[in-house]
Amino acid sequence: MAYVAISNALISSTQNNIIKMRDKEQDAVKAPAERLTVPSTDANLELLVWGNHLHLRDQMPEDWKKTSNRVNARIAYSVNADTNSSFEFVFETVDPIEVPITKHDSYYGHNITVPEDSHLLPPIAKEAVAHRKFCLETDLKWKEIKSQVVQFLESAKSLNEALKLWPALSLYISDEYIDRVNNNPKREKTASKAEEIMASISIDQLTAAAVASKLTV
């Protein structure tokens, strides 16, 4: 087996492979629409727009209100205590809907903020939230995989040693490097701290993730 160093190019190539695995997993799940057309009299939308002030709408001065054909709902979501994000779900109304004038409005419509667990959100919006959470979860999973794989590679003296200690690592490595390793046998005499790093990373989980990605159509 030919000696192959742990170069920046090898690490960059491996990182790109892992990103492709992440994208492959995410692309396998179709993203739902993030907009919905509803009548201006939609009761849930009115409650989302006016909240606890809905009963005061008719009492408000006209210059405190306006009409809009679009309500942009900023939906906040998270997958754990350390990750928070949000996205915009758009309600387009068949006829203009009356909305309060706020400093958060823009040229693109009336803007509101909605929690992910609001019972007023339509099913398609909840599906959009679930898909965004899935994407965030897979981002976090593959980010950790990339970190551990790179940590292991950087701890090895060569790709040869890394593959000897962890054969399934080849699932993350580009064919060009595997082919180079398989050429012209050459024995390595010294060890590195790769074996020590192996004890601190989840080899089985990393291998399972790569195998699952390879098997995904």
N, C-alpha and C. Protein backbone atom coordinates (compact mmCIF):
# COMPACT_ATOMS: atom_id res chain seq x y z
N MET A 1 0.84 -1.19 0.00
CA MET A 1 0.00 0.00 0.00
C MET A 1 0.87 1.24 0.00
N ALA A 2 0.60 2.16 -0.89
CA ALA A 2 1.41 3.38 -1.03
C ALA A 2 1.09 4.37 0.09
N TYR A 3 2.12 5.08 0.48
CA TYR A 3 1.96 6.08 1.55
C TYR A 3 1.16 7.28 1.03
N VAL A 4 0.11 7.65 1.76
CA VAL A 4 -0.70 8.83 1.41
C VAL A 4 -0.80 9.72 2.63
N ALA A 5 -0.26 10.92 2.53
CA ALA A 5 -0.25 11.84 3.65
C ALA A 5 -1.64 12.42 3.92
N ILE A 6 -1.83 12.88 5.15
CA ILE A 6 -3.07 13.58 5.50
C ILE A 6 -2.89 15.05 5.11
N SER A 7 -3.24 15.37 3.89
CA SER A 7 -3.05 16.72 3.36
C SER A 7 -4.31 17.56 3.52
N ASN A 8 -4.15 18.86 3.33
CA ASN A 8 -5.31 19.76 3.37
C ASN A 8 -6.30 19.40 2.26
N ALA A 9 -5.76 18.97 1.12
CA ALA A 9 -6.63 18.59 0.00
C ALA A 9 -7.46 17.36 0.35
N LEU A 10 -6.85 16.40 1.04
CA LEU A 10 -7.57 15.20 1.46
C LEU A 10 -8.68 15.56 2.45
N ILE A 11 -8.35 16.39 3.41
CA ILE A 11 -9.35 16.78 4.41
C ILE A 11 -10.47 17.57 3.76
N SER A 12 -10.13 18.48 2.85
CA SER A 12 -11.15 19.27 2.16
C SER A 12 -12.06 18.37 1.33
N SER A 13 -11.46 17.40 0.65
CA SER A 13 -12.24 16.46 -0.16
C SER A 13 -13.19 15.65 0.71
N THR A 14 -12.71 15.22 1.87
CA THR A 14 -13.54 14.43 2.79
C THR A 14 -14.68 15.28 3.34
N GLN A 15 -14.39 16.52 3.67
CA GLN A 15 -15.45 17.43 4.15
C GLN A 15 -16.52 17.62 3.08
N ASN A 16 -16.10 17.77 1.84
CA ASN A 16 -17.07 17.92 0.74
C ASN A 16 -17.93 16.67 0.58
N ASN A 17 -17.32 15.50 0.75
CA ASN A 17 -18.07 14.25 0.67
C ASN A 17 -19.14 14.18 1.76
N ILE A 18 -18.78 14.63 2.95
CA ILE A 18 -19.72 14.60 4.06
C ILE A 18 -20.87 15.58 3.82
N ILE A 19 -20.55 16.74 3.26
CA ILE A 19 -21.60 17.71 2.93
C ILE A 19 -22.56 17.13 1.90
N LYS A 20 -22.02 16.40 0.93
CA LYS A 20 -22.87 15.75 -0.08
C LYS A 20 -23.76 14.70 0.55
N MET A 21 -23.25 13.98 1.54
CA MET A 21 -24.06 12.99 2.26
C MET A 21 -25.20 13.67 3.00
N ARG A 22 -24.89 14.81 3.62
CA ARG A 22 -25.93 15.58 4.30
C ARG A 22 -27.00 16.04 3.31
N ASP A 23 -26.55 16.59 2.18
CA ASP A 23 -27.49 17.08 1.17
C ASP A 23 -28.34 15.94 0.61
N LYS A 24 -27.74 14.78 0.46
CA LYS A 24 -28.46 13.62 -0.06
C LYS A 24 -29.58 13.22 0.88
N GLU A 25 -29.30 13.24 2.18
CA GLU A 25 -30.32 12.88 3.17
C GLU A 25 -31.44 13.90 3.17
N GLN A 26 -31.09 15.17 3.09
CA GLN A 26 -32.11 16.22 3.11
C GLN A 26 -32.94 16.23 1.82
N ASP A 27 -32.29 15.99 0.69
CA ASP A 27 -32.99 16.02 -0.60
C ASP A 27 -33.97 14.85 -0.75
N ALA A 28 -33.76 13.80 0.04
CA ALA A 28 -34.64 12.64 -0.04
C ALA A 28 -36.02 12.93 0.54
N VAL A 29 -36.12 14.02 1.30
CA VAL A 29 -37.41 14.40 1.91
C VAL A 29 -37.90 15.67 1.21
N LYS A 30 -39.02 15.56 0.53
CA LYS A 30 -39.54 16.69 -0.23
C LYS A 30 -39.99 17.82 0.70
N ALA A 31 -39.59 19.02 0.39
CA ALA A 31 -39.97 20.18 1.20
C ALA A 31 -41.39 20.60 0.88
N PRO A 32 -42.22 20.83 1.90
CA PRO A 32 -43.60 21.30 1.64
C PRO A 32 -43.60 22.78 1.25
N ALA A 33 -44.72 23.23 0.74
CA ALA A 33 -44.85 24.65 0.39
C ALA A 33 -44.77 25.50 1.65
N GLU A 34 -44.23 26.70 1.49
CA GLU A 34 -44.14 27.62 2.63
C GLU A 34 -44.99 28.86 2.38
N ARG A 35 -46.09 28.66 1.67
CA ARG A 35 -47.07 29.71 1.46
C ARG A 35 -48.43 29.07 1.25
N LEU A 36 -49.48 29.83 1.56
CA LEU A 36 -50.84 29.31 1.47
C LEU A 36 -51.79 30.45 1.12
N THR A 37 -52.69 30.19 0.20
CA THR A 37 -53.71 31.18 -0.15
C THR A 37 -54.98 30.90 0.64
N VAL A 38 -55.47 31.92 1.32
CA VAL A 38 -56.67 31.76 2.17
C VAL A 38 -57.61 32.93 1.93
N PRO A 39 -58.90 32.79 2.28
CA PRO A 39 -59.82 33.93 2.18
C PRO A 39 -59.49 34.96 3.25
N SER A 40 -59.81 36.20 3.00
CA SER A 40 -59.51 37.26 3.97
C SER A 40 -60.30 37.09 5.26
N THR A 41 -61.35 36.28 5.22
CA THR A 41 -62.18 36.05 6.41
C THR A 41 -61.75 34.82 7.20
N ASP A 42 -60.60 34.24 6.84
CA ASP A 42 -60.12 33.06 7.56
C ASP A 42 -59.97 33.37 9.04
N ALA A 43 -60.73 32.65 9.88
CA ALA A 43 -60.78 32.96 11.31
C ALA A 43 -59.43 32.81 12.00
N ASN A 44 -58.69 31.75 11.66
CA ASN A 44 -57.39 31.53 12.30
C ASN A 44 -56.39 32.62 11.91
N LEU A 45 -56.43 33.05 10.65
CA LEU A 45 -55.53 34.10 10.23
C LEU A 45 -55.86 35.41 10.94
N GLU A 46 -57.14 35.70 11.09
CA GLU A 46 -57.54 36.91 11.81
C GLU A 46 -57.01 36.89 13.23
N LEU A 47 -57.09 35.72 13.88
CA LEU A 47 -56.58 35.60 15.25
C LEU A 47 -55.06 35.73 15.29
N LEU A 48 -54.39 35.19 14.28
CA LEU A 48 -52.93 35.32 14.22
C LEU A 48 -52.53 36.79 14.06
N VAL A 49 -53.29 37.52 13.26
CA VAL A 49 -52.98 38.92 12.99
C VAL A 49 -53.31 39.82 14.18
N TRP A 50 -54.48 39.61 14.77
CA TRP A 50 -54.97 40.52 15.80
C TRP A 50 -54.75 40.03 17.23
N GLY A 51 -54.59 38.75 17.40
CA GLY A 51 -54.37 38.22 18.73
C GLY A 51 -55.50 38.57 19.68
N ASN A 52 -55.14 38.99 20.88
CA ASN A 52 -56.13 39.33 21.91
C ASN A 52 -56.87 40.64 21.62
N HIS A 53 -56.49 41.35 20.56
CA HIS A 53 -57.12 42.64 20.25
C HIS A 53 -58.17 42.53 19.14
N LEU A 54 -58.48 41.29 18.74
CA LEU A 54 -59.43 41.12 17.66
C LEU A 54 -60.77 41.79 17.97
N HIS A 55 -61.22 41.69 19.21
CA HIS A 55 -62.52 42.26 19.56
C HIS A 55 -62.51 43.79 19.54
N LEU A 56 -61.32 44.38 19.48
CA LEU A 56 -61.21 45.85 19.46
C LEU A 56 -61.02 46.38 18.03
N ARG A 57 -60.94 45.50 17.08
CA ARG A 57 -60.63 45.91 15.72
C ARG A 57 -61.60 46.98 15.20
N ASP A 58 -62.88 46.76 15.37
CA ASP A 58 -63.88 47.69 14.84
C ASP A 58 -63.91 49.01 15.59
N GLN A 59 -63.30 49.05 16.77
CA GLN A 59 -63.29 50.28 17.56
C GLN A 59 -62.05 51.13 17.29
N MET A 60 -61.09 50.57 16.60
CA MET A 60 -59.84 51.28 16.35
C MET A 60 -60.03 52.36 15.29
N PRO A 61 -59.36 53.50 15.42
CA PRO A 61 -59.40 54.55 14.38
C PRO A 61 -58.91 53.97 13.05
N GLU A 62 -59.47 54.44 11.97
CA GLU A 62 -59.12 53.91 10.66
C GLU A 62 -57.66 54.14 10.30
N ASP A 63 -57.09 55.24 10.82
CA ASP A 63 -55.69 55.51 10.47
C ASP A 63 -54.71 54.63 11.28
N TRP A 64 -55.22 53.77 12.13
CA TRP A 64 -54.40 52.79 12.83
C TRP A 64 -54.40 51.44 12.09
N LYS A 65 -55.17 51.39 11.02
CA LYS A 65 -55.33 50.13 10.29
C LYS A 65 -55.02 50.33 8.80
N LYS A 66 -54.83 49.23 8.14
CA LYS A 66 -54.63 49.25 6.69
C LYS A 66 -55.08 47.89 6.15
N THR A 67 -55.04 47.73 4.84
CA THR A 67 -55.36 46.43 4.25
C THR A 67 -54.13 45.87 3.54
N SER A 68 -54.06 44.57 3.49
CA SER A 68 -52.92 43.91 2.85
C SER A 68 -53.38 42.58 2.26
N ASN A 69 -52.73 42.16 1.21
CA ASN A 69 -53.03 40.86 0.61
C ASN A 69 -52.02 39.80 1.02
N ARG A 70 -51.13 40.18 1.93
CA ARG A 70 -50.08 39.23 2.31
C ARG A 70 -49.73 39.41 3.78
N VAL A 71 -49.71 38.29 4.50
CA VAL A 71 -49.28 38.28 5.90
C VAL A 71 -48.08 37.33 5.99
N ASN A 72 -46.97 37.87 6.44
CA ASN A 72 -45.73 37.09 6.57
C ASN A 72 -45.57 36.65 8.02
N ALA A 73 -45.70 35.36 8.24
CA ALA A 73 -45.61 34.82 9.61
C ALA A 73 -44.21 34.29 9.87
N ARG A 74 -43.48 34.93 10.76
CA ARG A 74 -42.16 34.48 11.15
C ARG A 74 -42.33 33.41 12.23
N ILE A 75 -42.05 32.17 11.88
CA ILE A 75 -42.27 31.05 12.79
C ILE A 75 -40.94 30.64 13.42
N ALA A 76 -40.84 30.76 14.72
CA ALA A 76 -39.64 30.37 15.44
C ALA A 76 -39.72 28.88 15.78
N TYR A 77 -38.58 28.19 15.69
CA TYR A 77 -38.56 26.76 16.03
C TYR A 77 -37.18 26.38 16.55
N SER A 78 -37.09 25.23 17.19
CA SER A 78 -35.82 24.74 17.71
C SER A 78 -35.85 23.23 17.77
N VAL A 79 -34.67 22.61 17.81
CA VAL A 79 -34.59 21.16 17.96
C VAL A 79 -33.99 20.77 19.31
N ASN A 80 -33.37 21.71 19.97
CA ASN A 80 -32.88 21.49 21.34
C ASN A 80 -32.67 22.85 21.99
N ALA A 81 -32.22 22.83 23.23
CA ALA A 81 -32.10 24.08 23.99
C ALA A 81 -31.05 25.03 23.44
N ASP A 82 -30.15 24.50 22.61
CA ASP A 82 -29.04 25.33 22.11
C ASP A 82 -29.22 25.83 20.68
N THR A 83 -30.25 25.37 20.01
CA THR A 83 -30.43 25.78 18.61
C THR A 83 -31.81 26.39 18.39
N ASN A 84 -31.81 27.63 17.96
CA ASN A 84 -33.05 28.33 17.67
C ASN A 84 -32.96 28.95 16.28
N SER A 85 -34.04 28.86 15.54
CA SER A 85 -34.07 29.43 14.21
C SER A 85 -35.50 29.84 13.88
N SER A 86 -35.68 30.36 12.67
CA SER A 86 -37.01 30.76 12.26
C SER A 86 -37.07 30.83 10.74
N PHE A 87 -38.27 30.86 10.19
CA PHE A 87 -38.45 31.04 8.76
C PHE A 87 -39.79 31.72 8.51
N GLU A 88 -39.97 32.21 7.30
CA GLU A 88 -41.16 32.97 6.97
C GLU A 88 -42.17 32.11 6.21
N PHE A 89 -43.34 31.96 6.79
CA PHE A 89 -44.45 31.30 6.11
C PHE A 89 -45.41 32.39 5.65
N VAL A 90 -45.79 32.36 4.38
CA VAL A 90 -46.58 33.44 3.79
C VAL A 90 -48.04 33.04 3.61
N PHE A 91 -48.92 33.90 4.12
CA PHE A 91 -50.35 33.78 3.87
C PHE A 91 -50.72 34.82 2.82
N GLU A 92 -51.25 34.37 1.70
CA GLU A 92 -51.73 35.28 0.67
C GLU A 92 -53.26 35.22 0.68
N THR A 93 -53.89 36.36 0.80
CA THR A 93 -55.34 36.39 0.89
C THR A 93 -55.98 36.68 -0.46
N VAL A 94 -57.12 36.05 -0.70
CA VAL A 94 -57.83 36.25 -1.95
C VAL A 94 -58.26 37.70 -2.10
N ASP A 95 -58.78 38.27 -1.01
CA ASP A 95 -59.14 39.69 -0.95
C ASP A 95 -58.30 40.35 0.14
N PRO A 96 -58.15 41.66 0.09
CA PRO A 96 -57.36 42.34 1.12
C PRO A 96 -57.92 42.07 2.52
N ILE A 97 -57.01 41.86 3.48
CA ILE A 97 -57.39 41.65 4.87
C ILE A 97 -57.01 42.87 5.69
N GLU A 98 -57.85 43.23 6.63
CA GLU A 98 -57.59 44.40 7.47
C GLU A 98 -56.58 44.01 8.55
N VAL A 99 -55.54 44.81 8.69
CA VAL A 99 -54.48 44.52 9.66
C VAL A 99 -54.11 45.81 10.40
N PRO A 100 -53.59 45.68 11.61
CA PRO A 100 -53.12 46.87 12.32
C PRO A 100 -51.80 47.36 11.74
N ILE A 101 -51.58 48.65 11.73
CA ILE A 101 -50.31 49.21 11.27
C ILE A 101 -49.28 49.04 12.38
N THR A 102 -48.16 48.42 12.07
CA THR A 102 -47.09 48.24 13.06
C THR A 102 -45.76 48.63 12.44
N LYS A 103 -44.78 48.85 13.31
CA LYS A 103 -43.44 49.23 12.84
C LYS A 103 -42.73 48.07 12.15
N HIS A 104 -43.28 46.86 12.30
CA HIS A 104 -42.64 45.69 11.71
C HIS A 104 -43.09 45.43 10.27
N ASP A 105 -44.10 46.17 9.81
CA ASP A 105 -44.59 45.95 8.45
C ASP A 105 -43.56 46.39 7.41
N SER A 106 -43.68 45.84 6.23
CA SER A 106 -42.76 46.17 5.15
C SER A 106 -43.53 46.29 3.84
N TYR A 107 -42.79 46.60 2.80
CA TYR A 107 -43.38 46.70 1.47
C TYR A 107 -44.02 45.38 1.04
N TYR A 108 -43.47 44.28 1.59
CA TYR A 108 -43.93 42.95 1.18
C TYR A 108 -45.14 42.45 1.95
N GLY A 109 -45.64 43.20 2.90
CA GLY A 109 -46.84 42.77 3.60
C GLY A 109 -46.79 43.02 5.09
N HIS A 110 -47.81 42.51 5.77
CA HIS A 110 -47.91 42.64 7.22
C HIS A 110 -47.12 41.51 7.88
N ASN A 111 -46.25 41.85 8.81
CA ASN A 111 -45.37 40.88 9.44
C ASN A 111 -45.81 40.56 10.86
N ILE A 112 -45.84 39.25 11.17
CA ILE A 112 -46.18 38.81 12.52
C ILE A 112 -45.20 37.71 12.94
N THR A 113 -45.12 37.46 14.23
CA THR A 113 -44.30 36.38 14.77
C THR A 113 -45.20 35.34 15.40
N VAL A 114 -44.96 34.08 15.06
CA VAL A 114 -45.83 33.00 15.54
C VAL A 114 -44.99 31.87 16.13
N PRO A 115 -45.33 31.37 17.32
CA PRO A 115 -44.59 30.22 17.88
C PRO A 115 -44.92 28.95 17.10
N GLU A 116 -43.97 28.04 17.05
CA GLU A 116 -44.15 26.82 16.26
C GLU A 116 -45.31 25.95 16.75
N ASP A 117 -45.68 26.07 18.03
CA ASP A 117 -46.73 25.22 18.57
C ASP A 117 -48.11 25.88 18.55
N SER A 118 -48.24 26.98 17.83
CA SER A 118 -49.54 27.67 17.77
C SER A 118 -50.59 26.77 17.12
N HIS A 119 -51.74 26.64 17.78
CA HIS A 119 -52.82 25.82 17.23
C HIS A 119 -53.51 26.50 16.05
N LEU A 120 -53.16 27.76 15.81
CA LEU A 120 -53.78 28.51 14.72
C LEU A 120 -53.08 28.27 13.37
N LEU A 121 -51.93 27.66 13.41
CA LEU A 121 -51.21 27.39 12.16
C LEU A 121 -51.90 26.28 11.38
N PRO A 122 -52.05 26.43 10.07
CA PRO A 122 -52.67 25.38 9.25
C PRO A 122 -51.73 24.18 9.12
N PRO A 123 -52.25 23.01 8.76
CA PRO A 123 -51.42 21.80 8.63
C PRO A 123 -50.19 21.99 7.75
N ILE A 124 -50.33 22.70 6.63
CA ILE A 124 -49.20 22.87 5.72
C ILE A 124 -48.07 23.67 6.38
N ALA A 125 -48.44 24.61 7.24
CA ALA A 125 -47.43 25.39 7.96
C ALA A 125 -46.71 24.51 8.98
N LYS A 126 -47.46 23.63 9.64
CA LYS A 126 -46.84 22.72 10.60
C LYS A 126 -45.92 21.73 9.90
N GLU A 127 -46.31 21.32 8.69
CA GLU A 127 -45.44 20.45 7.90
C GLU A 127 -44.16 21.18 7.52
N ALA A 128 -44.28 22.46 7.21
CA ALA A 128 -43.10 23.26 6.86
C ALA A 128 -42.18 23.38 8.07
N VAL A 129 -42.76 23.57 9.25
CA VAL A 129 -41.97 23.64 10.48
C VAL A 129 -41.24 22.32 10.70
N ALA A 130 -41.96 21.21 10.55
CA ALA A 130 -41.36 19.89 10.75
C ALA A 130 -40.20 19.66 9.77
N HIS A 131 -40.37 20.10 8.53
CA HIS A 131 -39.31 19.93 7.54
C HIS A 131 -38.10 20.79 7.88
N ARG A 132 -38.33 22.00 8.31
CA ARG A 132 -37.21 22.87 8.69
C ARG A 132 -36.46 22.27 9.89
N LYS A 133 -37.21 21.69 10.83
CA LYS A 133 -36.57 21.07 12.00
C LYS A 133 -35.76 19.85 11.56
N PHE A 134 -36.29 19.08 10.62
CA PHE A 134 -35.56 17.93 10.09
C PHE A 134 -34.25 18.38 9.46
N CYS A 135 -34.31 19.46 8.67
CA CYS A 135 -33.10 19.97 8.02
C CYS A 135 -32.08 20.45 9.05
N LEU A 136 -32.57 21.12 10.10
CA LEU A 136 -31.67 21.60 11.14
C LEU A 136 -31.05 20.43 11.89
N GLU A 137 -31.85 19.41 12.17
CA GLU A 137 -31.34 18.23 12.87
C GLU A 137 -30.26 17.52 12.04
N THR A 138 -30.51 17.38 10.73
CA THR A 138 -29.51 16.73 9.89
C THR A 138 -28.26 17.59 9.74
N ASP A 139 -28.43 18.91 9.71
CA ASP A 139 -27.27 19.81 9.68
C ASP A 139 -26.39 19.57 10.90
N LEU A 140 -27.02 19.52 12.07
CA LEU A 140 -26.28 19.33 13.31
C LEU A 140 -25.61 17.96 13.34
N LYS A 141 -26.35 16.94 12.87
CA LYS A 141 -25.79 15.58 12.88
C LYS A 141 -24.55 15.48 12.00
N TRP A 142 -24.65 15.98 10.76
CA TRP A 142 -23.53 15.87 9.84
C TRP A 142 -22.40 16.83 10.18
N LYS A 143 -22.72 17.93 10.85
CA LYS A 143 -21.66 18.82 11.33
C LYS A 143 -20.80 18.11 12.36
N GLU A 144 -21.46 17.36 13.25
CA GLU A 144 -20.72 16.60 14.27
C GLU A 144 -19.94 15.46 13.62
N ILE A 145 -20.53 14.80 12.64
CA ILE A 145 -19.82 13.74 11.92
C ILE A 145 -18.57 14.30 11.25
N LYS A 146 -18.72 15.44 10.59
CA LYS A 146 -17.57 16.06 9.91
C LYS A 146 -16.48 16.40 10.91
N SER A 147 -16.88 16.94 12.06
CA SER A 147 -15.91 17.30 13.08
C SER A 147 -15.13 16.09 13.57
N GLN A 148 -15.83 14.98 13.82
CA GLN A 148 -15.17 13.79 14.35
C GLN A 148 -14.29 13.11 13.30
N VAL A 149 -14.75 13.08 12.06
CA VAL A 149 -13.96 12.46 11.00
C VAL A 149 -12.68 13.26 10.76
N VAL A 150 -12.80 14.57 10.71
CA VAL A 150 -11.62 15.42 10.51
C VAL A 150 -10.67 15.30 11.70
N GLN A 151 -11.23 15.27 12.90
CA GLN A 151 -10.39 15.10 14.09
C GLN A 151 -9.59 13.81 14.01
N PHE A 152 -10.23 12.75 13.58
CA PHE A 152 -9.53 11.46 13.45
C PHE A 152 -8.46 11.52 12.38
N LEU A 153 -8.79 12.09 11.22
CA LEU A 153 -7.81 12.19 10.14
C LEU A 153 -6.58 12.99 10.57
N GLU A 154 -6.83 14.11 11.23
CA GLU A 154 -5.73 14.97 11.64
C GLU A 154 -4.86 14.32 12.70
N SER A 155 -5.39 13.33 13.41
CA SER A 155 -4.62 12.66 14.45
C SER A 155 -3.75 11.53 13.90
N ALA A 156 -4.02 11.12 12.67
CA ALA A 156 -3.27 10.00 12.08
C ALA A 156 -2.02 10.51 11.36
N LYS A 157 -1.01 9.63 11.29
CA LYS A 157 0.22 10.01 10.59
C LYS A 157 0.05 9.94 9.08
N SER A 158 -0.91 9.14 8.64
CA SER A 158 -1.15 8.99 7.20
C SER A 158 -2.55 8.42 7.01
N LEU A 159 -3.01 8.48 5.77
CA LEU A 159 -4.31 7.86 5.46
C LEU A 159 -4.20 6.35 5.60
N ASN A 160 -3.02 5.81 5.33
CA ASN A 160 -2.81 4.38 5.47
C ASN A 160 -3.10 3.92 6.89
N GLU A 161 -2.53 4.63 7.84
CA GLU A 161 -2.74 4.27 9.25
C GLU A 161 -4.20 4.45 9.64
N ALA A 162 -4.80 5.56 9.18
CA ALA A 162 -6.20 5.84 9.52
C ALA A 162 -7.10 4.71 9.03
N LEU A 163 -6.88 4.24 7.80
CA LEU A 163 -7.70 3.16 7.24
C LEU A 163 -7.43 1.82 7.92
N LYS A 164 -6.21 1.62 8.39
CA LYS A 164 -5.87 0.39 9.09
C LYS A 164 -6.60 0.33 10.43
N LEU A 165 -6.66 1.47 11.11
CA LEU A 165 -7.34 1.53 12.41
C LEU A 165 -8.86 1.50 12.25
N TRP A 166 -9.34 2.14 11.19
CA TRP A 166 -10.79 2.26 10.98
C TRP A 166 -11.08 2.04 9.49
N PRO A 167 -11.21 0.80 9.06
CA PRO A 167 -11.42 0.49 7.64
C PRO A 167 -12.65 1.18 7.03
N ALA A 168 -13.73 1.30 7.82
CA ALA A 168 -14.97 1.92 7.28
C ALA A 168 -14.80 3.41 7.01
N LEU A 169 -13.69 3.99 7.43
CA LEU A 169 -13.41 5.39 7.10
C LEU A 169 -13.41 5.60 5.59
N SER A 170 -13.13 4.53 4.86
CA SER A 170 -13.08 4.62 3.39
C SER A 170 -14.40 5.10 2.80
N LEU A 171 -15.51 4.93 3.54
CA LEU A 171 -16.82 5.39 3.06
C LEU A 171 -16.86 6.91 2.92
N TYR A 172 -16.01 7.60 3.64
CA TYR A 172 -15.97 9.06 3.60
C TYR A 172 -14.89 9.60 2.67
N ILE A 173 -13.98 8.74 2.23
CA ILE A 173 -12.81 9.18 1.47
C ILE A 173 -13.05 9.02 -0.03
N SER A 174 -12.64 10.00 -0.81
CA SER A 174 -12.80 9.94 -2.26
C SER A 174 -11.98 8.80 -2.86
N ASP A 175 -12.48 8.23 -3.96
CA ASP A 175 -11.84 7.07 -4.58
C ASP A 175 -10.40 7.34 -4.98
N GLU A 176 -10.10 8.56 -5.38
CA GLU A 176 -8.74 8.85 -5.84
C GLU A 176 -7.71 8.60 -4.74
N TYR A 177 -8.09 8.89 -3.50
CA TYR A 177 -7.16 8.67 -2.38
C TYR A 177 -7.10 7.19 -2.01
N ILE A 178 -8.24 6.51 -2.08
CA ILE A 178 -8.25 5.07 -1.81
C ILE A 178 -7.40 4.34 -2.84
N ASP A 179 -7.51 4.75 -4.10
CA ASP A 179 -6.73 4.12 -5.16
C ASP A 179 -5.23 4.34 -4.93
N ARG A 180 -4.87 5.51 -4.47
CA ARG A 180 -3.45 5.80 -4.21
C ARG A 180 -2.92 4.96 -3.06
N VAL A 181 -3.75 4.76 -2.05
CA VAL A 181 -3.34 3.93 -0.92
C VAL A 181 -3.09 2.50 -1.37
N ASN A 182 -3.90 2.01 -2.30
CA ASN A 182 -3.82 0.61 -2.72
C ASN A 182 -2.68 0.33 -3.68
N ASN A 183 -1.89 1.34 -4.02
CA ASN A 183 -0.76 1.14 -4.94
C ASN A 183 0.56 1.01 -4.17
N ASN A 184 1.46 0.16 -4.67
CA ASN A 184 2.84 0.05 -4.19
C ASN A 184 2.95 -0.09 -2.68
N PRO A 185 2.97 -1.27 -2.14
CA PRO A 185 3.06 -1.51 -0.70
C PRO A 185 4.24 -0.79 -0.07
N LYS A 186 3.98 -0.23 1.12
CA LYS A 186 5.04 0.42 1.88
C LYS A 186 4.66 0.37 3.35
N ARG A 187 5.55 -0.14 4.19
CA ARG A 187 5.25 -0.35 5.60
C ARG A 187 5.53 0.91 6.42
N GLU A 188 4.64 1.21 7.34
CA GLU A 188 4.87 2.31 8.27
C GLU A 188 5.44 1.75 9.57
N LYS A 189 6.41 2.43 10.13
CA LYS A 189 7.09 1.92 11.31
C LYS A 189 6.64 2.60 12.59
N THR A 190 6.11 3.80 12.51
CA THR A 190 5.75 4.53 13.73
C THR A 190 4.25 4.73 13.81
N ALA A 191 3.76 4.81 15.02
CA ALA A 191 2.34 5.03 15.27
C ALA A 191 2.10 6.48 15.65
N SER A 192 0.86 6.90 15.63
CA SER A 192 0.51 8.26 16.02
C SER A 192 -0.51 8.19 17.14
N LYS A 193 -1.16 9.30 17.41
CA LYS A 193 -2.16 9.32 18.47
C LYS A 193 -3.56 9.00 17.93
N ALA A 194 -3.64 8.47 16.72
CA ALA A 194 -4.95 8.16 16.13
C ALA A 194 -5.71 7.13 16.96
N GLU A 195 -4.97 6.14 17.52
CA GLU A 195 -5.65 5.13 18.33
C GLU A 195 -6.27 5.78 19.57
N GLU A 196 -5.58 6.76 20.11
CA GLU A 196 -6.13 7.48 21.28
C GLU A 196 -7.39 8.26 20.90
N ILE A 197 -7.38 8.90 19.71
CA ILE A 197 -8.54 9.65 19.24
C ILE A 197 -9.72 8.71 19.00
N MET A 198 -9.44 7.49 18.50
CA MET A 198 -10.50 6.54 18.23
C MET A 198 -11.34 6.26 19.47
N ALA A 199 -10.72 6.30 20.62
CA ALA A 199 -11.44 6.01 21.86
C ALA A 199 -12.39 7.12 22.25
N SER A 200 -12.22 8.30 21.64
CA SER A 200 -13.04 9.45 22.05
C SER A 200 -14.12 9.82 21.04
N ILE A 201 -14.18 9.12 19.88
CA ILE A 201 -15.20 9.43 18.90
C ILE A 201 -16.10 8.22 18.68
N SER A 202 -17.28 8.47 18.14
CA SER A 202 -18.29 7.42 17.99
C SER A 202 -18.12 6.71 16.65
N ILE A 203 -17.18 5.79 16.59
CA ILE A 203 -16.85 5.10 15.35
C ILE A 203 -18.07 4.40 14.76
N ASP A 204 -18.80 3.65 15.59
CA ASP A 204 -19.96 2.89 15.10
C ASP A 204 -21.01 3.82 14.50
N GLN A 205 -21.29 4.94 15.18
CA GLN A 205 -22.29 5.88 14.69
C GLN A 205 -21.84 6.55 13.40
N LEU A 206 -20.56 6.90 13.33
CA LEU A 206 -20.03 7.52 12.12
C LEU A 206 -20.09 6.56 10.95
N THR A 207 -19.76 5.30 11.20
CA THR A 207 -19.82 4.29 10.15
C THR A 207 -21.25 4.06 9.69
N ALA A 208 -22.18 3.97 10.65
CA ALA A 208 -23.59 3.74 10.32
C ALA A 208 -24.15 4.88 9.48
N ALA A 209 -23.77 6.12 9.80
CA ALA A 209 -24.26 7.27 9.05
C ALA A 209 -23.79 7.21 7.60
N ALA A 210 -22.53 6.85 7.41
CA ALA A 210 -22.00 6.77 6.05
C ALA A 210 -22.65 5.64 5.26
N VAL A 211 -22.83 4.47 5.91
CA VAL A 211 -23.47 3.34 5.23
C VAL A 211 -24.90 3.71 4.83
N ALA A 212 -25.64 4.36 5.74
CA ALA A 212 -27.02 4.75 5.44
C ALA A 212 -27.06 5.71 4.27
N SER A 213 -26.08 6.62 4.20
CA SER A 213 -26.04 7.58 3.10
C SER A 213 -25.76 6.86 1.78
N LYS A 214 -24.85 5.90 1.80
CA LYS A 214 -24.53 5.17 0.58
C LYS A 214 -25.72 4.37 0.06
N LEU A 215 -26.56 3.89 0.99
CA LEU A 215 -27.68 3.05 0.60
C LEU A 215 -28.89 3.85 0.15
N THR A 216 -28.89 5.16 0.45
CA THR A 216 -30.02 6.00 0.07
C THR A 216 -30.00 6.25 -1.43
N VAL A 217 -31.14 6.05 -2.07
CA VAL A 217 -31.23 6.27 -3.52
C VAL A 217 -31.27 7.76 -3.80
